[in-house]
């Protein structure tokens, strides 16, 4: 029986903690980008992602206001949902009430869940989808009820509007079924009905990819080229940190248990699928372990069940496990949440994403100061040119206060929004390649260098603000050279 009250209390506690920290530091570059995309209105897709998340962010700003905490409310709800769904996965695997509570607390305090609950990211929605698909697959296999294949397919189809990587889950699970069984699942017509529904529901995404020259493949290639080597070299350490170093013991025990325990033989495909998906993640988009993080939720649930049974064999074991989970939760909060004072980040940062959230209003103020220094006749013709979507998003978010002109960027989807008008013969640039500017303009002068005022080394610190005049060709001719795909850096 599900331990509803205990699990709901943990989910509510997780949401409370996340809301408590939701307004700390500032926007992540991705959050600024999603906000900017959402402002433009609905779309069938983007160069670098499906359409759902920018619309979720837009809905949050319309309902709750255009603020940092408002756009993070959907992320908080996603984190709470993962806690509940993870516990339901544990129930399907035979968890006692104590094992369910252990699963809920472990997941609710994990680095992965706290991260996708603090920042609104594509992974926020994607992790919920992985949990739902995993739950339905387990029900189909353990209850021998093929109706759950249909629901798994529906969720996969809907999830394609949030992140294409969700396809890695059903593909790896199907390969796991073929290798480890039970192969009689392939004789159930409802499995194929679920596949068909996933394709039909997700068809607009596929059509968008086909009609736009498969931009997601271009994006995957760009990410692999820029981040692949570094990500692969850190793959094991990042994997162990994904839930948390202390919680890695649980999911590793769960992985072993799926291979060794007879009772879980019907779902051994989950373990095989995870290994296959991990190999795929090493080769796809730069080799990040969080691409298979949804599997770890099920593996952690199995590990919690094994820990619960180990506890039952000795009176002194429960305090040891409880103390271990409590201590690791503090470490995980330190890794995932903005608990360190902002002014101390320059010497005590433990999360690179936290560093990226600092200084955006200061960046915009410095760009505004350069723009305000232009003669009045040049101001009327000037536009802003940002090197990446974080800078563009920040100028869009905070620029209204300074009455800044429109911002343009060649980064990812923003390039497709088009070049500046040919009347824009004065450009205030930030973070743009200086060699590119020198080639394209008659005169470019360095006006300032970004300084967040906290001596924090992040991607924006020290980047140059320039003023360029006199484009050497029409913007339509120059603009293709500004296109670049990749993550924020």
Foldseek 3Di string as FASTA:
>chain_A
DEPVVLLLVLLVVLLVVLLVQQQPQFAFLVLLLLCVVLVVDFDCQFLAAFGPLSVLQNVQCVVPNDGRSSSLNLQSVLLSLLLVLLLLLLVLLPFDNQLSSVLSLLSSLFLQSSQSNRHPALVSLLLSLLSLLSSLVSCCQSVVDLQSLQVSLQSLLVNRNRGVLSVLQVVLLVVLCVVQHPVCNVVDVSNVNSVVNSCVSNVSVVVVCVVVVNSNVVQFVQLCVPAQVVCLVCAVVQLCRNGFVLLSQLLVVLLVCCVPPPSNSSRVSLSSSLVVSQVVLSVTRRRHPVSSVSSSSSSNSSSSRVLVVVCVVDVPSVVVVVVSSVVRSVVSCLQRGPPDPPLCCQPDPNYQSSLSSHQLLVLLVVLLVVLVPDPPVLNVQEAEEEAESSNQSSCVSNVVVSPHHHYAAQETRRLVVDFDAQSNQKYWYWQHDPVLLVVFAPDKDWDDFDDSPSNHDHPRHGITIMIGGHTPDGRVVSSVVRHDHYDDD
